[in-house]
């Protein structure tokens, strides 16, 4: 997937991903690739929030695809909406290099003891 992390904390995770190599047959960024980026960012934030003695497992994800991307990189920003003891929820905004929103996603993770 070529995901490169830029910033990681429990409250905010930022990463970018190349469009090249992550396209569907029409040459557009694959919606599944956007979902992978979103889940990677949200799960990372949830794992940091959970701490070293706990794990985060995704239990729900949704994604709305607003526009296509055909080249360059997309950037995802996951922002914590809720960080509790058993659940963490993130909103993930994916934009193209012009700052236009490509996808909006929401991920909820269950936090469990190891």
PDB file of N, CA and C in Angstrom:
ATOM      1  N   UNK A   1       0.823  -1.194   0.000  1.00  0.00           N
ATOM      2  CA  UNK A   1       0.000   0.000   0.000  1.00  0.00           C
ATOM      3  C   UNK A   1       0.868   1.259   0.000  1.00  0.00           C
ATOM      4  N   UNK A   2       2.072   1.165   0.538  1.00  0.00           N
ATOM      5  CA  UNK A   2       2.980   2.307   0.540  1.00  0.00           C
ATOM      6  C   UNK A   2       2.608   3.396   1.524  1.00  0.00           C
ATOM      7  N   UNK A   3       1.932   3.066   2.605  1.00  0.00           N
ATOM      8  CA  UNK A   3       1.499   4.054   3.592  1.00  0.00           C
ATOM      9  C   UNK A   3       2.710   4.560   4.378  1.00  0.00           C
ATOM     10  N   UNK A   4       2.832   5.882   4.463  1.00  0.00           N
ATOM     11  CA  UNK A   4       3.925   6.534   5.187  1.00  0.00           C
ATOM     12  C   UNK A   4       3.332   7.392   6.302  1.00  0.00           C
ATOM     13  N   UNK A   5       3.657   7.062   7.547  1.00  0.00           N
ATOM     14  CA  UNK A   5       3.149   7.827   8.690  1.00  0.00           C
ATOM     15  C   UNK A   5       3.903   9.150   8.818  1.00  0.00           C
ATOM     16  N   UNK A   6       3.162  10.201   9.136  1.00  0.00           N
ATOM     17  CA  UNK A   6       3.706  11.544   9.320  1.00  0.00           C
ATOM     18  C   UNK A   6       3.607  11.966  10.783  1.00  0.00           C
ATOM     19  N   UNK A   7       2.511  11.596  11.444  1.00  0.00           N
ATOM     20  CA  UNK A   7       2.251  11.999  12.828  1.00  0.00           C
ATOM     21  C   UNK A   7       1.412  10.909  13.492  1.00  0.00           C
ATOM     22  N   UNK A   8       1.752  10.545  14.726  1.00  0.00           N
ATOM     23  CA  UNK A   8       0.989   9.515  15.443  1.00  0.00           C
ATOM     24  C   UNK A   8       0.800   9.912  16.893  1.00  0.00           C
ATOM     25  N   UNK A   9      -0.459  10.011  17.305  1.00  0.00           N
ATOM     26  CA  UNK A   9      -0.825  10.178  18.714  1.00  0.00           C
ATOM     27  C   UNK A   9      -2.204   9.564  18.879  1.00  0.00           C
ATOM     28  N   UNK A  10      -2.661   9.437  20.111  1.00  0.00           N
ATOM     29  CA  UNK A  10      -3.991   8.877  20.357  1.00  0.00           C
ATOM     30  C   UNK A  10      -5.085   9.794  19.795  1.00  0.00           C
ATOM     31  N   UNK A  11      -4.835  11.097  19.760  1.00  0.00           N
ATOM     32  CA  UNK A  11      -5.830  12.061  19.317  1.00  0.00           C
ATOM     33  C   UNK A  11      -5.831  12.282  17.806  1.00  0.00           C
ATOM     34  N   UNK A  12      -4.664  12.064  17.152  1.00  0.00           N
ATOM     35  CA  UNK A  12      -4.554  12.394  15.728  1.00  0.00           C
ATOM     36  C   UNK A  12      -3.463  11.544  15.087  1.00  0.00           C
ATOM     37  N   UNK A  13      -3.806  10.954  13.937  1.00  0.00           N
ATOM     38  CA  UNK A  13      -2.839  10.178  13.163  1.00  0.00           C
ATOM     39  C   UNK A  13      -2.888  10.689  11.726  1.00  0.00           C
ATOM     40  N   UNK A  14      -1.718  10.964  11.149  1.00  0.00           N
ATOM     41  CA  UNK A  14      -1.624  11.476   9.780  1.00  0.00           C
ATOM     42  C   UNK A  14      -0.682  10.569   8.995  1.00  0.00           C
ATOM     43  N   UNK A  15      -1.092  10.210   7.781  1.00  0.00           N
ATOM     44  CA  UNK A  15      -0.232   9.416   6.894  1.00  0.00           C
ATOM     45  C   UNK A  15      -0.608   9.710   5.453  1.00  0.00           C
ATOM     46  N   UNK A  16       0.296   9.365   4.559  1.00  0.00           N
ATOM     47  CA  UNK A  16       0.001   9.533   3.138  1.00  0.00           C
ATOM     48  C   UNK A  16       0.219   8.210   2.427  1.00  0.00           C
ATOM     49  N   UNK A  17      -0.404   8.086   1.256  1.00  0.00           N
ATOM     50  CA  UNK A  17      -0.348   6.854   0.481  1.00  0.00           C
ATOM     51  C   UNK A  17      -0.328   7.209  -1.005  1.00  0.00           C
ATOM     52  N   UNK A  18       0.513   6.537  -1.805  1.00  0.00           N
ATOM     53  CA  UNK A  18       0.527   6.830  -3.234  1.00  0.00           C
ATOM     54  C   UNK A  18      -0.731   6.297  -3.918  1.00  0.00           C
ATOM     55  N   UNK A  19      -1.187   7.014  -4.924  1.00  0.00           N
ATOM     56  CA  UNK A  19      -2.297   6.520  -5.741  1.00  0.00           C
ATOM     57  C   UNK A  19      -1.784   5.381  -6.625  1.00  0.00           C
ATOM     58  N   UNK A  20      -0.594   5.559  -7.202  1.00  0.00           N
ATOM     59  CA  UNK A  20      -0.005   4.526  -8.065  1.00  0.00           C
ATOM     60  C   UNK A  20       0.142   3.223  -7.287  1.00  0.00           C
ATOM     61  N   UNK A  21      -0.309   2.138  -7.891  1.00  0.00           N
ATOM     62  CA  UNK A  21      -0.253   0.831  -7.250  1.00  0.00           C
ATOM     63  C   UNK A  21      -1.477   0.530  -6.406  1.00  0.00           C
ATOM     64  N   UNK A  22      -2.345   1.519  -6.228  1.00  0.00           N
ATOM     65  CA  UNK A  22      -3.554   1.350  -5.423  1.00  0.00           C
ATOM     66  C   UNK A  22      -4.804   1.749  -6.208  1.00  0.00           C
ATOM     67  N   UNK A  23      -4.806   1.425  -7.503  1.00  0.00           N
ATOM     68  CA  UNK A  23      -5.911   1.822  -8.377  1.00  0.00           C
ATOM     69  C   UNK A  23      -6.755   0.626  -8.792  1.00  0.00           C
ATOM     70  N   UNK A  24      -7.968   0.932  -9.234  1.00  0.00           N
ATOM     71  CA  UNK A  24      -8.838  -0.069  -9.831  1.00  0.00           C
ATOM     72  C   UNK A  24      -8.630  -0.034 -11.350  1.00  0.00           C
ATOM     73  N   UNK A  25      -9.285  -0.908 -12.117  1.00  0.00           N
ATOM     74  CA  UNK A  25      -8.997  -1.014 -13.556  1.00  0.00           C
ATOM     75  C   UNK A  25      -9.148   0.278 -14.367  1.00  0.00           C
ATOM     76  N   UNK A  26      -9.907   1.260 -13.895  1.00  0.00           N
ATOM     77  CA  UNK A  26     -10.078   2.510 -14.625  1.00  0.00           C
ATOM     78  C   UNK A  26      -8.995   3.536 -14.323  1.00  0.00           C
ATOM     79  N   UNK A  27      -8.030   3.165 -13.480  1.00  0.00           N
ATOM     80  CA  UNK A  27      -6.941   4.075 -13.148  1.00  0.00           C
ATOM     81  C   UNK A  27      -7.245   5.024 -12.005  1.00  0.00           C
ATOM     82  N   UNK A  28      -8.358   4.821 -11.334  1.00  0.00           N
ATOM     83  CA  UNK A  28      -8.749   5.660 -10.204  1.00  0.00           C
ATOM     84  C   UNK A  28      -8.325   4.987  -8.904  1.00  0.00           C
ATOM     85  N   UNK A  29      -8.061   5.798  -7.869  1.00  0.00           N
ATOM     86  CA  UNK A  29      -7.768   5.249  -6.554  1.00  0.00           C
ATOM     87  C   UNK A  29      -8.890   4.290  -6.163  1.00  0.00           C
ATOM     88  N   UNK A  30      -8.534   3.079  -5.795  1.00  0.00           N
ATOM     89  CA  UNK A  30      -9.509   2.061  -5.427  1.00  0.00           C
ATOM     90  C   UNK A  30     -10.172   2.439  -4.108  1.00  0.00           C
ATOM     91  N   UNK A  31     -11.490   2.331  -4.041  1.00  0.00           N
ATOM     92  CA  UNK A  31     -12.203   2.633  -2.808  1.00  0.00           C
ATOM     93  C   UNK A  31     -11.738   1.760  -1.653  1.00  0.00           C
ATOM     94  N   UNK A  32     -11.368   0.524  -1.958  1.00  0.00           N
ATOM     95  CA  UNK A  32     -10.843  -0.369  -0.928  1.00  0.00           C
ATOM     96  C   UNK A  32      -9.513   0.120  -0.378  1.00  0.00           C
ATOM     97  N   UNK A  33      -8.708   0.757  -1.230  1.00  0.00           N
ATOM     98  CA  UNK A  33      -7.434   1.306  -0.767  1.00  0.00           C
ATOM     99  C   UNK A  33      -7.685   2.471   0.194  1.00  0.00           C
ATOM    100  N   UNK A  34      -8.696   3.280  -0.104  1.00  0.00           N
ATOM    101  CA  UNK A  34      -9.062   4.358   0.825  1.00  0.00           C
ATOM    102  C   UNK A  34      -9.511   3.776   2.156  1.00  0.00           C
ATOM    103  N   UNK A  35     -10.280   2.692   2.112  1.00  0.00           N
ATOM    104  CA  UNK A  35     -10.739   2.046   3.346  1.00  0.00           C
ATOM    105  C   UNK A  35      -9.568   1.456   4.130  1.00  0.00           C
ATOM    106  N   UNK A  36      -8.592   0.887   3.419  1.00  0.00           N
ATOM    107  CA  UNK A  36      -7.401   0.357   4.091  1.00  0.00           C
ATOM    108  C   UNK A  36      -6.639   1.489   4.782  1.00  0.00           C
ATOM    109  N   UNK A  37      -6.465   2.609   4.095  1.00  0.00           N
ATOM    110  CA  UNK A  37      -5.780   3.752   4.704  1.00  0.00           C
ATOM    111  C   UNK A  37      -6.546   4.226   5.932  1.00  0.00           C
ATOM    112  N   UNK A  38      -7.859   4.360   5.807  1.00  0.00           N
ATOM    113  CA  UNK A  38      -8.677   4.822   6.927  1.00  0.00           C
ATOM    114  C   UNK A  38      -8.571   3.876   8.121  1.00  0.00           C
ATOM    115  N   UNK A  39      -8.691   2.575   7.880  1.00  0.00           N
ATOM    116  CA  UNK A  39      -8.635   1.628   8.989  1.00  0.00           C
ATOM    117  C   UNK A  39      -7.242   1.578   9.606  1.00  0.00           C
ATOM    118  N   UNK A  40      -6.217   1.720   8.802  1.00  0.00           N
ATOM    119  CA  UNK A  40      -4.851   1.738   9.322  1.00  0.00           C
ATOM    120  C   UNK A  40      -4.648   2.925  10.259  1.00  0.00           C
ATOM    121  N   UNK A  41      -5.126   4.097   9.848  1.00  0.00           N
ATOM    122  CA  UNK A  41      -4.959   5.298  10.672  1.00  0.00           C
ATOM    123  C   UNK A  41      -5.771   5.211  11.962  1.00  0.00           C
ATOM    124  N   UNK A  42      -7.046   4.866  11.841  1.00  0.00           N
ATOM    125  CA  UNK A  42      -7.894   4.778  13.018  1.00  0.00           C
ATOM    126  C   UNK A  42      -7.446   3.695  13.984  1.00  0.00           C
ATOM    127  N   UNK A  43      -7.053   2.548  13.465  1.00  0.00           N
ATOM    128  CA  UNK A  43      -6.588   1.455  14.320  1.00  0.00           C
ATOM    129  C   UNK A  43      -5.291   1.817  15.037  1.00  0.00           C
ATOM    130  N   UNK A  44      -4.429   2.541  14.356  1.00  0.00           N
ATOM    131  CA  UNK A  44      -3.181   2.981  14.975  1.00  0.00           C
ATOM    132  C   UNK A  44      -3.472   3.932  16.127  1.00  0.00           C
ATOM    133  N   UNK A  45      -4.343   4.903  15.896  1.00  0.00           N
ATOM    134  CA  UNK A  45      -4.715   5.823  16.966  1.00  0.00           C
ATOM    135  C   UNK A  45      -5.360   5.095  18.137  1.00  0.00           C
ATOM    136  N   UNK A  46      -6.236   4.138  17.843  1.00  0.00           N
ATOM    137  CA  UNK A  46      -6.905   3.376  18.903  1.00  0.00           C
ATOM    138  C   UNK A  46      -5.907   2.541  19.694  1.00  0.00           C
ATOM    139  N   UNK A  47      -4.912   1.968  19.017  1.00  0.00           N
ATOM    140  CA  UNK A  47      -3.895   1.168  19.708  1.00  0.00           C
ATOM    141  C   UNK A  47      -3.057   2.038  20.636  1.00  0.00           C
ATOM    142  N   UNK A  48      -2.715   3.244  20.187  1.00  0.00           N
ATOM    143  CA  UNK A  48      -1.968   4.167  21.042  1.00  0.00           C
ATOM    144  C   UNK A  48      -2.835   4.553  22.240  1.00  0.00           C
ATOM    145  N   UNK A  49      -4.092   4.840  21.995  1.00  0.00           N
ATOM    146  CA  UNK A  49      -5.017   5.193  23.076  1.00  0.00           C
ATOM    147  C   UNK A  49      -5.163   4.041  24.068  1.00  0.00           C
ATOM    148  N   UNK A  50      -5.237   2.806  23.575  1.00  0.00           N
ATOM    149  CA  UNK A  50      -5.445   1.637  24.435  1.00  0.00           C
ATOM    150  C   UNK A  50      -4.269   1.399  25.370  1.00  0.00           C
ATOM    151  N   UNK A  51      -3.058   1.657  24.894  1.00  0.00           N
ATOM    152  CA  UNK A  51      -1.864   1.428  25.702  1.00  0.00           C
ATOM    153  C   UNK A  51      -1.235   0.077  25.417  1.00  0.00           C
ATOM    154  N   UNK A  52      -0.050  -0.116  25.948  1.00  0.00           N
ATOM    155  CA  UNK A  52       0.757  -1.292  25.625  1.00  0.00           C
ATOM    156  C   UNK A  52       0.164  -2.605  26.123  1.00  0.00           C
ATOM    157  N   UNK A  53      -0.657  -2.569  27.172  1.00  0.00           N
ATOM    158  CA  UNK A  53      -1.192  -3.804  27.743  1.00  0.00           C
ATOM    159  C   UNK A  53      -2.559  -4.188  27.180  1.00  0.00           C
ATOM    160  N   UNK A  54      -3.031  -3.435  26.160  1.00  0.00           N
ATOM    161  CA  UNK A  54      -4.342  -3.694  25.571  1.00  0.00           C
ATOM    162  C   UNK A  54      -4.218  -3.737  24.055  1.00  0.00           C
ATOM    163  N   UNK A  55      -5.249  -4.238  23.390  1.00  0.00           N
ATOM    164  CA  UNK A  55      -5.275  -4.283  21.929  1.00  0.00           C
ATOM    165  C   UNK A  55      -6.526  -3.591  21.407  1.00  0.00           C
ATOM    166  N   UNK A  56      -6.456  -3.120  20.193  1.00  0.00           N
ATOM    167  CA  UNK A  56      -7.585  -2.474  19.522  1.00  0.00           C
ATOM    168  C   UNK A  56      -7.980  -3.329  18.323  1.00  0.00           C
ATOM    169  N   UNK A  57      -9.261  -3.654  18.219  1.00  0.00           N
ATOM    170  CA  UNK A  57      -9.754  -4.425  17.073  1.00  0.00           C
ATOM    171  C   UNK A  57     -10.922  -3.669  16.445  1.00  0.00           C
ATOM    172  N   UNK A  58     -10.872  -3.522  15.148  1.00  0.00           N
ATOM    173  CA  UNK A  58     -11.934  -2.820  14.440  1.00  0.00           C
ATOM    174  C   UNK A  58     -13.240  -3.588  14.496  1.00  0.00           C
ATOM    175  N   UNK A  59     -14.333  -2.866  14.794  1.00  0.00           N
ATOM    176  CA  UNK A  59     -15.643  -3.522  14.822  1.00  0.00           C
ATOM    177  C   UNK A  59     -16.629  -2.882  13.843  1.00  0.00           C
ATOM    178  N   UNK A  60     -16.305  -1.687  13.322  1.00  0.00           N
ATOM    179  CA  UNK A  60     -17.194  -1.054  12.346  1.00  0.00           C
ATOM    180  C   UNK A  60     -16.416  -0.008  11.568  1.00  0.00           C
ATOM    181  N   UNK A  61     -16.617  -0.010  10.249  1.00  0.00           N
ATOM    182  CA  UNK A  61     -16.018   1.025   9.400  1.00  0.00           C
ATOM    183  C   UNK A  61     -17.026   1.396   8.319  1.00  0.00           C
ATOM    184  N   UNK A  62     -17.056   2.666   7.958  1.00  0.00           N
ATOM    185  CA  UNK A  62     -17.825   3.089   6.796  1.00  0.00           C
ATOM    186  C   UNK A  62     -16.979   4.077   6.021  1.00  0.00           C
ATOM    187  N   UNK A  63     -17.305   4.239   4.767  1.00  0.00           N
ATOM    188  CA  UNK A  63     -16.550   5.166   3.921  1.00  0.00           C
ATOM    189  C   UNK A  63     -17.470   5.758   2.865  1.00  0.00           C
ATOM    190  N   UNK A  64     -17.375   7.058   2.705  1.00  0.00           N
ATOM    191  CA  UNK A  64     -18.072   7.751   1.629  1.00  0.00           C
ATOM    192  C   UNK A  64     -17.012   8.278   0.681  1.00  0.00           C
ATOM    193  N   UNK A  65     -17.116   7.913  -0.584  1.00  0.00           N
ATOM    194  CA  UNK A  65     -16.138   8.324  -1.599  1.00  0.00           C
ATOM    195  C   UNK A  65     -16.705   9.542  -2.330  1.00  0.00           C
ATOM    196  N   UNK A  66     -16.021  10.683  -2.193  1.00  0.00           N
ATOM    197  CA  UNK A  66     -16.526  11.940  -2.722  1.00  0.00           C
ATOM    198  C   UNK A  66     -16.026  12.260  -4.124  1.00  0.00           C
ATOM    199  N   UNK A  67     -14.785  11.926  -4.411  1.00  0.00           N
ATOM    200  CA  UNK A  67     -14.200  12.226  -5.723  1.00  0.00           C
ATOM    201  C   UNK A  67     -13.081  11.239  -5.982  1.00  0.00           C
ATOM    202  N   UNK A  68     -12.647  11.177  -7.220  1.00  0.00           N
ATOM    203  CA  UNK A  68     -11.572  10.254  -7.582  1.00  0.00           C
ATOM    204  C   UNK A  68     -10.211  10.936  -7.451  1.00  0.00           C
ATOM    205  N   UNK A  69      -9.191  10.097  -7.353  1.00  0.00           N
ATOM    206  CA  UNK A  69      -7.797  10.554  -7.417  1.00  0.00           C
ATOM    207  C   UNK A  69      -7.115   9.641  -8.422  1.00  0.00           C
ATOM    208  N   UNK A  70      -6.284  10.224  -9.289  1.00  0.00           N
ATOM    209  CA  UNK A  70      -5.654   9.430 -10.348  1.00  0.00           C
ATOM    210  C   UNK A  70      -4.131   9.447 -10.308  1.00  0.00           C
ATOM    211  N   UNK A  71      -3.554  10.321  -9.500  1.00  0.00           N
ATOM    212  CA  UNK A  71      -2.092  10.391  -9.442  1.00  0.00           C
ATOM    213  C   UNK A  71      -1.657  11.041  -8.136  1.00  0.00           C
ATOM    214  N   UNK A  72      -0.356  11.004  -7.903  1.00  0.00           N
ATOM    215  CA  UNK A  72       0.192  11.648  -6.717  1.00  0.00           C
ATOM    216  C   UNK A  72      -0.071  10.855  -5.451  1.00  0.00           C
ATOM    217  N   UNK A  73      -0.287  11.574  -4.376  1.00  0.00           N
ATOM    218  CA  UNK A  73      -0.525  10.977  -3.066  1.00  0.00           C
ATOM    219  C   UNK A  73      -1.859  11.448  -2.517  1.00  0.00           C
ATOM    220  N   UNK A  74      -2.443  10.638  -1.664  1.00  0.00           N
ATOM    221  CA  UNK A  74      -3.565  11.076  -0.839  1.00  0.00           C
ATOM    222  C   UNK A  74      -3.074  11.094   0.602  1.00  0.00           C
ATOM    223  N   UNK A  75      -3.636  11.999   1.392  1.00  0.00           N
ATOM    224  CA  UNK A  75      -3.262  12.129   2.793  1.00  0.00           C
ATOM    225  C   UNK A  75      -4.481  11.865   3.655  1.00  0.00           C
ATOM    226  N   UNK A  76      -4.295  11.042   4.675  1.00  0.00           N
ATOM    227  CA  UNK A  76      -5.365  10.742   5.603  1.00  0.00           C
ATOM    228  C   UNK A  76      -5.072  11.349   6.961  1.00  0.00           C
ATOM    229  N   UNK A  77      -6.100  11.938   7.568  1.00  0.00           N
ATOM    230  CA  UNK A  77      -5.999  12.487   8.915  1.00  0.00           C
ATOM    231  C   UNK A  77      -7.107  11.848   9.747  1.00  0.00           C
ATOM    232  N   UNK A  78      -6.709  11.074  10.759  1.00  0.00           N
ATOM    233  CA  UNK A  78      -7.667  10.450  11.666  1.00  0.00           C
ATOM    234  C   UNK A  78      -7.737  11.287  12.937  1.00  0.00           C
ATOM    235  N   UNK A  79      -8.939  11.688  13.300  1.00  0.00           N
ATOM    236  CA  UNK A  79      -9.164  12.487  14.491  1.00  0.00           C
ATOM    237  C   UNK A  79     -10.051  11.704  15.447  1.00  0.00           C
ATOM    238  N   UNK A  80      -9.611  11.599  16.700  1.00  0.00           N
ATOM    239  CA  UNK A  80     -10.380  10.848  17.688  1.00  0.00           C
ATOM    240  C   UNK A  80     -11.687  11.572  18.010  1.00  0.00           C
ATOM    241  N   UNK A  81     -12.799  10.863  17.858  1.00  0.00           N
ATOM    242  CA  UNK A  81     -14.104  11.392  18.228  1.00  0.00           C
ATOM    243  C   UNK A  81     -14.486  10.967  19.641  1.00  0.00           C
ATOM    244  N   UNK A  82     -14.072   9.748  20.001  1.00  0.00           N
ATOM    245  CA  UNK A  82     -14.357   9.222  21.338  1.00  0.00           C
ATOM    246  C   UNK A  82     -13.223   8.298  21.745  1.00  0.00           C
ATOM    247  N   UNK A  83     -12.706   8.472  22.924  1.00  0.00           N
ATOM    248  CA  UNK A  83     -11.662   7.602  23.448  1.00  0.00           C
ATOM    249  C   UNK A  83     -12.027   7.137  24.844  1.00  0.00           C
ATOM    250  N   UNK A  84     -12.719   6.021  24.916  1.00  0.00           N
ATOM    251  CA  UNK A  84     -13.139   5.489  26.207  1.00  0.00           C
ATOM    252  C   UNK A  84     -12.287   4.302  26.622  1.00  0.00           C
ATOM    253  N   UNK A  85     -12.739   3.597  27.646  1.00  0.00           N
ATOM    254  CA  UNK A  85     -12.013   2.417  28.117  1.00  0.00           C
ATOM    255  C   UNK A  85     -12.234   1.206  27.214  1.00  0.00           C
ATOM    256  N   UNK A  86     -13.427   1.089  26.630  1.00  0.00           N
ATOM    257  CA  UNK A  86     -13.725  -0.102  25.831  1.00  0.00           C
ATOM    258  C   UNK A  86     -13.943   0.182  24.351  1.00  0.00           C
ATOM    259  N   UNK A  87     -14.132   1.447  23.981  1.00  0.00           N
ATOM    260  CA  UNK A  87     -14.403   1.822  22.587  1.00  0.00           C
ATOM    261  C   UNK A  87     -13.611   3.086  22.237  1.00  0.00           C
ATOM    262  N   UNK A  88     -13.069   3.102  21.024  1.00  0.00           N
ATOM    263  CA  UNK A  88     -12.447   4.311  20.482  1.00  0.00           C
ATOM    264  C   UNK A  88     -12.978   4.510  19.066  1.00  0.00           C
ATOM    265  N   UNK A  89     -13.395   5.731  18.745  1.00  0.00           N
ATOM    266  CA  UNK A  89     -13.958   6.033  17.429  1.00  0.00           C
ATOM    267  C   UNK A  89     -13.178   7.187  16.803  1.00  0.00           C
ATOM    268  N   UNK A  90     -12.890   7.044  15.509  1.00  0.00           N
ATOM    269  CA  UNK A  90     -12.122   8.035  14.755  1.00  0.00           C
ATOM    270  C   UNK A  90     -12.849   8.427  13.476  1.00  0.00           C
ATOM    271  N   UNK A  91     -12.750   9.710  13.144  1.00  0.00           N
ATOM    272  CA  UNK A  91     -13.175  10.176  11.828  1.00  0.00           C
ATOM    273  C   UNK A  91     -11.912  10.342  10.999  1.00  0.00           C
ATOM    274  N   UNK A  92     -11.935   9.832   9.775  1.00  0.00           N
ATOM    275  CA  UNK A  92     -10.763   9.897   8.911  1.00  0.00           C
ATOM    276  C   UNK A  92     -11.134  10.667   7.645  1.00  0.00           C
ATOM    277  N   UNK A  93     -10.383  11.724   7.388  1.00  0.00           N
ATOM    278  CA  UNK A  93     -10.566  12.530   6.186  1.00  0.00           C
ATOM    279  C   UNK A  93      -9.389  12.265   5.257  1.00  0.00           C
ATOM    280  N   UNK A  94      -9.686  11.856   4.034  1.00  0.00           N
ATOM    281  CA  UNK A  94      -8.644  11.594   3.033  1.00  0.00           C
ATOM    282  C   UNK A  94      -8.769  12.650   1.943  1.00  0.00           C
ATOM    283  N   UNK A  95      -7.648  13.335   1.674  1.00  0.00           N
ATOM    284  CA  UNK A  95      -7.643  14.405   0.680  1.00  0.00           C
ATOM    285  C   UNK A  95      -6.565  14.152  -0.372  1.00  0.00           C
ATOM    286  N   UNK A  96      -6.753  14.784  -1.546  1.00  0.00           N
ATOM    287  CA  UNK A  96      -5.739  14.696  -2.600  1.00  0.00           C
ATOM    288  C   UNK A  96      -4.701  15.797  -2.399  1.00  0.00           C
ATOM    289  N   UNK A  97      -3.763  15.890  -3.319  1.00  0.00           N
ATOM    290  CA  UNK A  97      -2.675  16.869  -3.177  1.00  0.00           C
ATOM    291  C   UNK A  97      -3.145  18.314  -3.302  1.00  0.00           C
ATOM    292  N   UNK A  98      -4.351  18.526  -3.826  1.00  0.00           N
ATOM    293  CA  UNK A  98      -4.913  19.872  -3.920  1.00  0.00           C
ATOM    294  C   UNK A  98      -5.769  20.198  -2.688  1.00  0.00           C
ATOM    295  N   UNK A  99      -5.805  19.278  -1.712  1.00  0.00           N
ATOM    296  CA  UNK A  99      -6.587  19.498  -0.505  1.00  0.00           C
ATOM    297  C   UNK A  99      -8.066  19.194  -0.653  1.00  0.00           C
ATOM    298  N   UNK A 100      -8.449  18.581  -1.775  1.00  0.00           N
ATOM    299  CA  UNK A 100      -9.851  18.243  -2.000  1.00  0.00           C
ATOM    300  C   UNK A 100     -10.173  16.906  -1.329  1.00  0.00           C
ATOM    301  N   UNK A 101     -11.323  16.830  -0.678  1.00  0.00           N
ATOM    302  CA  UNK A 101     -11.711  15.616   0.033  1.00  0.00           C
ATOM    303  C   UNK A 101     -12.043  14.502  -0.962  1.00  0.00           C
ATOM    304  N   UNK A 102     -11.352  13.404  -0.804  1.00  0.00           N
ATOM    305  CA  UNK A 102     -11.557  12.218  -1.627  1.00  0.00           C
ATOM    306  C   UNK A 102     -12.502  11.248  -0.929  1.00  0.00           C
ATOM    307  N   UNK A 103     -12.351  11.117   0.379  1.00  0.00           N
ATOM    308  CA  UNK A 103     -13.123  10.131   1.140  1.00  0.00           C
ATOM    309  C   UNK A 103     -13.265  10.586   2.584  1.00  0.00           C
ATOM    310  N   UNK A 104     -14.411  10.282   3.171  1.00  0.00           N
ATOM    311  CA  UNK A 104     -14.633  10.471   4.600  1.00  0.00           C
ATOM    312  C   UNK A 104     -14.996   9.105   5.171  1.00  0.00           C
ATOM    313  N   UNK A 105     -14.339   8.734   6.250  1.00  0.00           N
ATOM    314  CA  UNK A 105     -14.578   7.431   6.855  1.00  0.00           C
ATOM    315  C   UNK A 105     -14.719   7.580   8.366  1.00  0.00           C
ATOM    316  N   UNK A 106     -15.379   6.607   8.984  1.00  0.00           N
ATOM    317  CA  UNK A 106     -15.449   6.552  10.441  1.00  0.00           C
ATOM    318  C   UNK A 106     -15.146   5.112  10.847  1.00  0.00           C
ATOM    319  N   UNK A 107     -14.288   4.963  11.851  1.00  0.00           N
ATOM    320  CA  UNK A 107     -13.886   3.648  12.342  1.00  0.00           C
ATOM    321  C   UNK A 107     -14.111   3.585  13.844  1.00  0.00           C
ATOM    322  N   UNK A 108     -14.706   2.480  14.292  1.00  0.00           N
ATOM    323  CA  UNK A 108     -14.848   2.217  15.722  1.00  0.00           C
ATOM    324  C   UNK A 108     -14.074   0.952  16.048  1.00  0.00           C
ATOM    325  N   UNK A 109     -13.254   1.035  17.088  1.00  0.00           N
ATOM    326  CA  UNK A 109     -12.472  -0.100  17.554  1.00  0.00           C
ATOM    327  C   UNK A 109     -12.874  -0.462  18.982  1.00  0.00           C
ATOM    328  N   UNK A 110     -12.916  -1.765  19.242  1.00  0.00           N
ATOM    329  CA  UNK A 110     -13.115  -2.245  20.598  1.00  0.00           C
ATOM    330  C   UNK A 110     -11.736  -2.399  21.215  1.00  0.00           C
ATOM    331  N   UNK A 111     -11.605  -1.979  22.460  1.00  0.00           N
ATOM    332  CA  UNK A 111     -10.332  -2.069  23.182  1.00  0.00           C
ATOM    333  C   UNK A 111     -10.445  -3.219  24.180  1.00  0.00           C
ATOM    334  N   UNK A 112      -9.499  -4.147  24.100  1.00  0.00           N
ATOM    335  CA  UNK A 112      -9.550  -5.356  24.930  1.00  0.00           C
ATOM    336  C   UNK A 112      -8.229  -5.581  25.628  1.00  0.00           C
ATOM    337  N   UNK A 113      -8.304  -6.270  26.761  1.00  0.00           N
ATOM    338  CA  UNK A 113      -7.081  -6.691  27.440  1.00  0.00           C
ATOM    339  C   UNK A 113      -6.402  -7.762  26.605  1.00  0.00           C
ATOM    340  N   UNK A 114      -5.073  -7.821  26.684  1.00  0.00           N
ATOM    341  CA  UNK A 114      -4.328  -8.859  25.962  1.00  0.00           C
ATOM    342  C   UNK A 114      -4.604 -10.213  26.528  1.00  0.00           C
TER     343      UNK A 114
END
